């Protein structure tokens, strides 16, 4: 994954694609920071978690940019999300998440919203990097409230 990012960065520089270059540089810096903090080299799955965090940051920023009526920043963030999404595994659909949540609920014998922690712990390895954590959490809450 790191090699792919380096090659993509070189290509963006050759093509003078500033937004892509800056986005990939920022992502590489975030990966390097986590590696330094944890003093270990990250594998592809761990890198994908960082990519999904960066996508989430931009989605949250878009809401603020919309409130501030800054369409230029909204457009820029959407382009960055598009660039970053290329490095994520295919995202699960809402229907797939609901199916996984129902399986998790029956697997851990969850009966009420109090069991949400057990369900989320069971789900985390299956959805990590493949689905937005907030969406998964909302679906779990909804299913446990039925």
C-alpha atoms as a PDB file:
ATOM      1  CA  UNK A   1       0.000   0.000   0.000  1.00  0.00           C
ATOM      2  CA  UNK A   2       2.824   2.408   0.866  1.00  0.00           C
ATOM      3  CA  UNK A   3       4.543   1.613  -2.415  1.00  0.00           C
ATOM      4  CA  UNK A   4       1.298   2.256  -4.280  1.00  0.00           C
ATOM      5  CA  UNK A   5       0.930   5.624  -2.539  1.00  0.00           C
ATOM      6  CA  UNK A   6       4.508   6.573  -3.417  1.00  0.00           C
ATOM      7  CA  UNK A   7       3.959   5.660  -7.079  1.00  0.00           C
ATOM      8  CA  UNK A   8       0.672   7.596  -7.143  1.00  0.00           C
ATOM      9  CA  UNK A   9       2.439  10.590  -5.587  1.00  0.00           C
ATOM     10  CA  UNK A  10       5.160  10.501  -8.260  1.00  0.00           C
ATOM     11  CA  UNK A  11       2.528  10.267 -10.984  1.00  0.00           C
ATOM     12  CA  UNK A  12       0.583  13.211  -9.520  1.00  0.00           C
ATOM     13  CA  UNK A  13       3.776  15.269  -9.425  1.00  0.00           C
ATOM     14  CA  UNK A  14       4.589  14.422 -13.048  1.00  0.00           C
ATOM     15  CA  UNK A  15       1.056  15.391 -14.087  1.00  0.00           C
ATOM     16  CA  UNK A  16       1.184  18.555 -11.958  1.00  0.00           C
ATOM     17  CA  UNK A  17      -2.031  17.476 -10.213  1.00  0.00           C
ATOM     18  CA  UNK A  18      -1.702  19.602  -7.069  1.00  0.00           C
ATOM     19  CA  UNK A  19      -4.847  18.413  -5.271  1.00  0.00           C
ATOM     20  CA  UNK A  20      -3.984  14.740  -5.738  1.00  0.00           C
ATOM     21  CA  UNK A  21      -0.358  15.343  -4.776  1.00  0.00           C
ATOM     22  CA  UNK A  22      -1.353  17.232  -1.625  1.00  0.00           C
ATOM     23  CA  UNK A  23      -3.971  14.649  -0.639  1.00  0.00           C
ATOM     24  CA  UNK A  24      -1.577  11.708  -1.036  1.00  0.00           C
ATOM     25  CA  UNK A  25       1.197  13.620   0.773  1.00  0.00           C
ATOM     26  CA  UNK A  26      -1.174  14.300   3.679  1.00  0.00           C
ATOM     27  CA  UNK A  27      -2.186  10.633   3.799  1.00  0.00           C
ATOM     28  CA  UNK A  28       1.435   9.472   3.764  1.00  0.00           C
ATOM     29  CA  UNK A  29       2.207  11.913   6.595  1.00  0.00           C
ATOM     30  CA  UNK A  30      -0.719  10.558   8.657  1.00  0.00           C
ATOM     31  CA  UNK A  31       0.532   6.986   8.122  1.00  0.00           C
ATOM     32  CA  UNK A  32       4.078   7.955   9.074  1.00  0.00           C
ATOM     33  CA  UNK A  33       2.839   9.720  12.216  1.00  0.00           C
ATOM     34  CA  UNK A  34       0.928   6.633  13.385  1.00  0.00           C
ATOM     35  CA  UNK A  35       3.964   4.459  12.661  1.00  0.00           C
ATOM     36  CA  UNK A  36       6.196   6.764  14.695  1.00  0.00           C
ATOM     37  CA  UNK A  37       3.700   6.952  17.557  1.00  0.00           C
ATOM     38  CA  UNK A  38       3.314   3.162  17.713  1.00  0.00           C
ATOM     39  CA  UNK A  39       6.938   2.426  16.728  1.00  0.00           C
ATOM     40  CA  UNK A  40       5.922  -0.253  14.245  1.00  0.00           C
ATOM     41  CA  UNK A  41       5.324  -0.590  10.544  1.00  0.00           C
ATOM     42  CA  UNK A  42       1.658  -0.671   9.584  1.00  0.00           C
ATOM     43  CA  UNK A  43       0.168  -3.366   7.379  1.00  0.00           C
ATOM     44  CA  UNK A  44      -2.336  -2.658   4.593  1.00  0.00           C
ATOM     45  CA  UNK A  45      -5.391  -3.161   6.833  1.00  0.00           C
ATOM     46  CA  UNK A  46      -4.065  -0.700   9.397  1.00  0.00           C
ATOM     47  CA  UNK A  47      -3.329   1.786   6.620  1.00  0.00           C
ATOM     48  CA  UNK A  48      -6.899   1.408   5.357  1.00  0.00           C
ATOM     49  CA  UNK A  49      -8.166   2.343   8.834  1.00  0.00           C
ATOM     50  CA  UNK A  50      -6.138   5.568   8.586  1.00  0.00           C
ATOM     51  CA  UNK A  51      -7.532   6.242   5.107  1.00  0.00           C
ATOM     52  CA  UNK A  52     -11.091   5.781   6.380  1.00  0.00           C
ATOM     53  CA  UNK A  53     -10.384   8.191   9.265  1.00  0.00           C
ATOM     54  CA  UNK A  54      -9.146  10.782   6.793  1.00  0.00           C
ATOM     55  CA  UNK A  55     -12.284  10.327   4.674  1.00  0.00           C
ATOM     56  CA  UNK A  56     -14.419  10.718   7.795  1.00  0.00           C
ATOM     57  CA  UNK A  57     -12.598  13.953   8.718  1.00  0.00           C
ATOM     58  CA  UNK A  58     -13.401  15.389   5.320  1.00  0.00           C
ATOM     59  CA  UNK A  59     -17.051  14.357   5.466  1.00  0.00           C
ATOM     60  CA  UNK A  60     -17.377  16.093   8.825  1.00  0.00           C
ATOM     61  CA  UNK A  61     -15.600  19.176   7.473  1.00  0.00           C
ATOM     62  CA  UNK A  62     -17.999  19.333   4.518  1.00  0.00           C
ATOM     63  CA  UNK A  63     -20.906  19.885   6.912  1.00  0.00           C
ATOM     64  CA  UNK A  64     -19.091  22.866   8.448  1.00  0.00           C
ATOM     65  CA  UNK A  65     -18.185  24.239   5.030  1.00  0.00           C
ATOM     66  CA  UNK A  66     -21.826  24.027   3.937  1.00  0.00           C
ATOM     67  CA  UNK A  67     -22.927  25.946   7.043  1.00  0.00           C
ATOM     68  CA  UNK A  68     -20.319  28.599   6.263  1.00  0.00           C
ATOM     69  CA  UNK A  69     -21.527  28.706   2.633  1.00  0.00           C
ATOM     70  CA  UNK A  70     -18.073  27.804   1.272  1.00  0.00           C
ATOM     71  CA  UNK A  71     -18.883  25.782  -1.823  1.00  0.00           C
ATOM     72  CA  UNK A  72     -15.252  25.959  -2.984  1.00  0.00           C
ATOM     73  CA  UNK A  73     -14.122  24.070   0.126  1.00  0.00           C
ATOM     74  CA  UNK A  74     -17.006  21.594  -0.188  1.00  0.00           C
ATOM     75  CA  UNK A  75     -15.939  20.818  -3.764  1.00  0.00           C
ATOM     76  CA  UNK A  76     -12.293  20.482  -2.769  1.00  0.00           C
ATOM     77  CA  UNK A  77     -13.145  18.128   0.116  1.00  0.00           C
ATOM     78  CA  UNK A  78     -15.355  16.009  -2.132  1.00  0.00           C
ATOM     79  CA  UNK A  79     -12.473  15.643  -4.604  1.00  0.00           C
ATOM     80  CA  UNK A  80     -10.142  14.647  -1.746  1.00  0.00           C
ATOM     81  CA  UNK A  81     -12.677  12.035  -0.593  1.00  0.00           C
ATOM     82  CA  UNK A  82     -12.814  10.697  -4.139  1.00  0.00           C
ATOM     83  CA  UNK A  83      -9.012  10.414  -4.230  1.00  0.00           C
ATOM     84  CA  UNK A  84      -8.807   8.753  -0.793  1.00  0.00           C
ATOM     85  CA  UNK A  85     -11.672   6.329  -1.488  1.00  0.00           C
ATOM     86  CA  UNK A  86      -9.530   4.740  -4.164  1.00  0.00           C
ATOM     87  CA  UNK A  87      -7.338   3.301  -1.381  1.00  0.00           C
ATOM     88  CA  UNK A  88     -10.221   1.805   0.595  1.00  0.00           C
ATOM     89  CA  UNK A  89     -11.788  -1.609   0.111  1.00  0.00           C
ATOM     90  CA  UNK A  90     -15.242  -1.598  -1.412  1.00  0.00           C
ATOM     91  CA  UNK A  91     -17.675  -0.166   1.126  1.00  0.00           C
ATOM     92  CA  UNK A  92     -20.515  -2.283   2.468  1.00  0.00           C
ATOM     93  CA  UNK A  93     -24.052  -1.296   1.531  1.00  0.00           C
ATOM     94  CA  UNK A  94     -26.579  -0.475   4.229  1.00  0.00           C
ATOM     95  CA  UNK A  95     -28.372  -3.784   3.536  1.00  0.00           C
ATOM     96  CA  UNK A  96     -25.117  -5.719   4.008  1.00  0.00           C
ATOM     97  CA  UNK A  97     -24.472  -3.901   7.281  1.00  0.00           C
ATOM     98  CA  UNK A  98     -27.998  -4.693   8.533  1.00  0.00           C
ATOM     99  CA  UNK A  99     -27.418  -8.373   7.714  1.00  0.00           C
ATOM    100  CA  UNK A 100     -24.091  -8.387   9.589  1.00  0.00           C
ATOM    101  CA  UNK A 101     -25.687  -6.593  12.559  1.00  0.00           C
ATOM    102  CA  UNK A 102     -28.495  -9.150  12.764  1.00  0.00           C
ATOM    103  CA  UNK A 103     -25.955 -11.992  12.658  1.00  0.00           C
ATOM    104  CA  UNK A 104     -23.904 -10.308  15.381  1.00  0.00           C
ATOM    105  CA  UNK A 105     -26.950  -9.770  17.599  1.00  0.00           C
ATOM    106  CA  UNK A 106     -27.900 -13.445  17.397  1.00  0.00           C
ATOM    107  CA  UNK A 107     -24.266 -14.566  17.860  1.00  0.00           C
ATOM    108  CA  UNK A 108     -23.768 -12.646  21.104  1.00  0.00           C
ATOM    109  CA  UNK A 109     -27.368 -13.181  22.298  1.00  0.00           C
ATOM    110  CA  UNK A 110     -27.984  -9.429  22.523  1.00  0.00           C
ATOM    111  CA  UNK A 111     -31.466  -8.513  23.720  1.00  0.00           C
ATOM    112  CA  UNK A 112     -31.390  -4.813  24.582  1.00  0.00           C
ATOM    113  CA  UNK A 113     -29.493  -1.598  23.858  1.00  0.00           C
ATOM    114  CA  UNK A 114     -27.342  -2.412  26.902  1.00  0.00           C
ATOM    115  CA  UNK A 115     -25.684  -5.132  24.798  1.00  0.00           C
ATOM    116  CA  UNK A 116     -24.505  -2.654  22.167  1.00  0.00           C
ATOM    117  CA  UNK A 117     -20.855  -2.887  23.264  1.00  0.00           C
ATOM    118  CA  UNK A 118     -20.787  -6.664  22.781  1.00  0.00           C
ATOM    119  CA  UNK A 119     -22.384  -6.361  19.353  1.00  0.00           C
ATOM    120  CA  UNK A 120     -19.989  -3.612  18.234  1.00  0.00           C
ATOM    121  CA  UNK A 121     -16.974  -5.582  19.480  1.00  0.00           C
ATOM    122  CA  UNK A 122     -18.168  -8.607  17.492  1.00  0.00           C
ATOM    123  CA  UNK A 123     -18.748  -6.481  14.366  1.00  0.00           C
ATOM    124  CA  UNK A 124     -15.600  -4.356  14.420  1.00  0.00           C
ATOM    125  CA  UNK A 125     -13.286  -6.849  12.625  1.00  0.00           C
ATOM    126  CA  UNK A 126     -15.914  -7.484   9.933  1.00  0.00           C
ATOM    127  CA  UNK A 127     -16.673  -3.851   9.107  1.00  0.00           C
ATOM    128  CA  UNK A 128     -13.402  -2.074   9.889  1.00  0.00           C
ATOM    129  CA  UNK A 129     -12.471   0.071   6.902  1.00  0.00           C
ATOM    130  CA  UNK A 130     -15.467  -1.210   4.942  1.00  0.00           C
ATOM    131  CA  UNK A 131     -18.183   0.874   6.588  1.00  0.00           C
ATOM    132  CA  UNK A 132     -18.578   4.132   8.467  1.00  0.00           C
ATOM    133  CA  UNK A 133     -18.527   3.425  12.204  1.00  0.00           C
ATOM    134  CA  UNK A 134     -21.317   5.905  12.904  1.00  0.00           C
ATOM    135  CA  UNK A 135     -23.598   4.240  10.371  1.00  0.00           C
ATOM    136  CA  UNK A 136     -22.869   0.805  11.872  1.00  0.00           C
ATOM    137  CA  UNK A 137     -23.509   2.167  15.364  1.00  0.00           C
ATOM    138  CA  UNK A 138     -26.826   3.719  14.303  1.00  0.00           C
ATOM    139  CA  UNK A 139     -27.964   0.448  12.696  1.00  0.00           C
ATOM    140  CA  UNK A 140     -26.997  -1.525  15.820  1.00  0.00           C
ATOM    141  CA  UNK A 141     -28.959   0.921  18.024  1.00  0.00           C
ATOM    142  CA  UNK A 142     -31.944   0.668  15.712  1.00  0.00           C
ATOM    143  CA  UNK A 143     -31.897  -3.145  15.630  1.00  0.00           C
ATOM    144  CA  UNK A 144     -31.472  -3.467  19.404  1.00  0.00           C
ATOM    145  CA  UNK A 145     -34.357  -1.086  20.038  1.00  0.00           C
ATOM    146  CA  UNK A 146     -36.829  -3.270  18.136  1.00  0.00           C
END
